[in-house]
Amino acid sequence: MTPSLARPRINRLFRFQWEPAQQAHVLLYPEGMVKLNQSAGEILKRCDGSTSVAEIVADLESAFNASNLAADVDAFLIMADAQNWITWSET
């Protein structure tokens, strides 16, 4: 489980962008590209190093008129961390 005050940011080894040809957000890196689904794109869009996990969850729930997204966001961030897509800051 990720600490709710931790602040994820996209790892500098990757570039996050919208790719019109793919009609999706992608992570670009020297060896290739990762095409993201809509949920992953929306989460990573909010990983700026200054927004906490709790704030990301609240923003997503507000933006998509949803509730109980914390477990899904947490699971994605754990996977993204394992893939080295994100880094963490506690401040």
C-alpha atoms as a PDB file:
ATOM      1  CA  MET A   1       0.000   0.000   0.000  1.00  0.00           C
ATOM      2  CA  THR A   2       1.345   3.423  -0.912  1.00  0.00           C
ATOM      3  CA  PRO A   3       1.464   6.084   1.818  1.00  0.00           C
ATOM      4  CA  SER A   4      -1.367   8.564   1.211  1.00  0.00           C
ATOM      5  CA  LEU A   5       0.998  11.517   1.762  1.00  0.00           C
ATOM      6  CA  ALA A   6       3.622  10.243  -0.662  1.00  0.00           C
ATOM      7  CA  ARG A   7       3.892  12.257  -3.846  1.00  0.00           C
ATOM      8  CA  PRO A   8       4.531  10.273  -7.030  1.00  0.00           C
ATOM      9  CA  ARG A   9       6.207  11.801 -10.061  1.00  0.00           C
ATOM     10  CA  ILE A  10       6.995  10.362 -13.455  1.00  0.00           C
ATOM     11  CA  ASN A  11      10.547   9.060 -13.577  1.00  0.00           C
ATOM     12  CA  ARG A  12      12.865  11.340 -15.565  1.00  0.00           C
ATOM     13  CA  LEU A  13      13.803   8.377 -17.757  1.00  0.00           C
ATOM     14  CA  PHE A  14      10.304   8.550 -19.291  1.00  0.00           C
ATOM     15  CA  ARG A  15       8.387  11.239 -21.138  1.00  0.00           C
ATOM     16  CA  PHE A  16       4.620  11.251 -20.637  1.00  0.00           C
ATOM     17  CA  GLN A  17       2.566  12.664 -23.480  1.00  0.00           C
ATOM     18  CA  TRP A  18      -0.609  12.386 -25.512  1.00  0.00           C
ATOM     19  CA  GLU A  19       0.101  10.555 -28.761  1.00  0.00           C
ATOM     20  CA  PRO A  20      -2.475  11.470 -31.432  1.00  0.00           C
ATOM     21  CA  ALA A  21      -1.520   8.521 -33.671  1.00  0.00           C
ATOM     22  CA  GLN A  22      -2.235   6.124 -30.775  1.00  0.00           C
ATOM     23  CA  GLN A  23      -5.218   8.131 -29.470  1.00  0.00           C
ATOM     24  CA  ALA A  24      -3.786   7.498 -26.005  1.00  0.00           C
ATOM     25  CA  HIS A  25      -1.323   8.761 -23.439  1.00  0.00           C
ATOM     26  CA  VAL A  26       2.065   7.100 -23.746  1.00  0.00           C
ATOM     27  CA  LEU A  27       5.319   6.844 -21.840  1.00  0.00           C
ATOM     28  CA  LEU A  28       8.292   7.284 -24.146  1.00  0.00           C
ATOM     29  CA  TYR A  29      11.768   6.023 -23.267  1.00  0.00           C
ATOM     30  CA  PRO A  30      14.938   5.394 -25.305  1.00  0.00           C
ATOM     31  CA  GLU A  31      14.086   1.738 -25.965  1.00  0.00           C
ATOM     32  CA  GLY A  32      10.475   2.280 -26.965  1.00  0.00           C
ATOM     33  CA  MET A  33       7.021   3.324 -25.894  1.00  0.00           C
ATOM     34  CA  VAL A  34       4.341   2.162 -23.466  1.00  0.00           C
ATOM     35  CA  LYS A  35       0.767   2.813 -24.599  1.00  0.00           C
ATOM     36  CA  LEU A  36      -1.422   3.526 -21.581  1.00  0.00           C
ATOM     37  CA  ASN A  37      -5.105   2.851 -21.147  1.00  0.00           C
ATOM     38  CA  GLN A  38      -7.338   5.765 -20.157  1.00  0.00           C
ATOM     39  CA  SER A  39      -7.214   5.043 -16.415  1.00  0.00           C
ATOM     40  CA  ALA A  40      -3.423   4.805 -16.370  1.00  0.00           C
ATOM     41  CA  GLY A  41      -3.152   8.031 -18.348  1.00  0.00           C
ATOM     42  CA  GLU A  42      -5.464   9.871 -15.978  1.00  0.00           C
ATOM     43  CA  ILE A  43      -3.507   8.697 -12.936  1.00  0.00           C
ATOM     44  CA  LEU A  44      -0.072   9.464 -14.405  1.00  0.00           C
ATOM     45  CA  LYS A  45      -1.289  12.868 -15.600  1.00  0.00           C
ATOM     46  CA  ARG A  46      -1.630  13.764 -11.917  1.00  0.00           C
ATOM     47  CA  CYS A  47       1.771  12.384 -10.843  1.00  0.00           C
ATOM     48  CA  ASP A  48       3.633  15.693 -10.747  1.00  0.00           C
ATOM     49  CA  GLY A  49       5.682  15.246  -7.568  1.00  0.00           C
ATOM     50  CA  SER A  50       3.640  17.806  -5.655  1.00  0.00           C
ATOM     51  CA  THR A  51       0.265  16.039  -5.501  1.00  0.00           C
ATOM     52  CA  SER A  52      -0.174  13.350  -2.845  1.00  0.00           C
ATOM     53  CA  VAL A  53      -1.763   9.975  -3.508  1.00  0.00           C
ATOM     54  CA  ALA A  54      -4.780  11.040  -1.425  1.00  0.00           C
ATOM     55  CA  GLU A  55      -5.125  14.205  -3.521  1.00  0.00           C
ATOM     56  CA  ILE A  56      -4.833  12.210  -6.755  1.00  0.00           C
ATOM     57  CA  VAL A  57      -7.612   9.887  -5.595  1.00  0.00           C
ATOM     58  CA  ALA A  58      -9.833  12.813  -4.571  1.00  0.00           C
ATOM     59  CA  ASP A  59      -9.243  14.590  -7.889  1.00  0.00           C
ATOM     60  CA  LEU A  60     -10.050  11.460  -9.912  1.00  0.00           C
ATOM     61  CA  GLU A  61     -13.193  10.781  -7.884  1.00  0.00           C
ATOM     62  CA  SER A  62     -14.326  14.361  -8.449  1.00  0.00           C
ATOM     63  CA  ALA A  63     -13.421  14.459 -12.152  1.00  0.00           C
ATOM     64  CA  PHE A  64     -15.175  11.182 -12.947  1.00  0.00           C
ATOM     65  CA  ASN A  65     -18.010  11.372 -10.403  1.00  0.00           C
ATOM     66  CA  ALA A  66     -16.790   8.109  -8.868  1.00  0.00           C
ATOM     67  CA  SER A  67     -16.056   6.795  -5.399  1.00  0.00           C
ATOM     68  CA  ASN A  68     -13.852   4.173  -3.779  1.00  0.00           C
ATOM     69  CA  LEU A  69     -11.007   4.576  -6.290  1.00  0.00           C
ATOM     70  CA  ALA A  70      -8.232   4.449  -3.680  1.00  0.00           C
ATOM     71  CA  ALA A  71      -7.575   0.705  -4.008  1.00  0.00           C
ATOM     72  CA  ASP A  72      -7.408   0.865  -7.819  1.00  0.00           C
ATOM     73  CA  VAL A  73      -5.123   3.916  -7.792  1.00  0.00           C
ATOM     74  CA  ASP A  74      -2.942   2.274  -5.165  1.00  0.00           C
ATOM     75  CA  ALA A  75      -2.677  -0.954  -7.193  1.00  0.00           C
ATOM     76  CA  PHE A  76      -1.724   0.984 -10.316  1.00  0.00           C
ATOM     77  CA  LEU A  77       0.904   3.057  -8.490  1.00  0.00           C
ATOM     78  CA  ILE A  78       2.455  -0.084  -6.998  1.00  0.00           C
ATOM     79  CA  MET A  79       2.690  -1.575 -10.503  1.00  0.00           C
ATOM     80  CA  ALA A  80       4.028   1.711 -11.963  1.00  0.00           C
ATOM     81  CA  ASP A  81       6.657   1.827  -9.215  1.00  0.00           C
ATOM     82  CA  ALA A  82       7.687  -1.776  -9.980  1.00  0.00           C
ATOM     83  CA  GLN A  83       8.034  -0.809 -13.664  1.00  0.00           C
ATOM     84  CA  ASN A  84      10.167   2.199 -12.618  1.00  0.00           C
ATOM     85  CA  TRP A  85       7.686   4.580 -14.278  1.00  0.00           C
ATOM     86  CA  ILE A  86       7.416   6.727 -11.131  1.00  0.00           C
ATOM     87  CA  THR A  87       9.551   7.926  -8.246  1.00  0.00           C
ATOM     88  CA  TRP A  88       8.390   9.078  -4.801  1.00  0.00           C
ATOM     89  CA  SER A  89       8.774  12.134  -2.630  1.00  0.00           C
ATOM     90  CA  GLU A  90       7.531  12.387   0.953  1.00  0.00           C
ATOM     91  CA  THR A  91       7.632  16.198   1.004  1.00  0.00           C
END
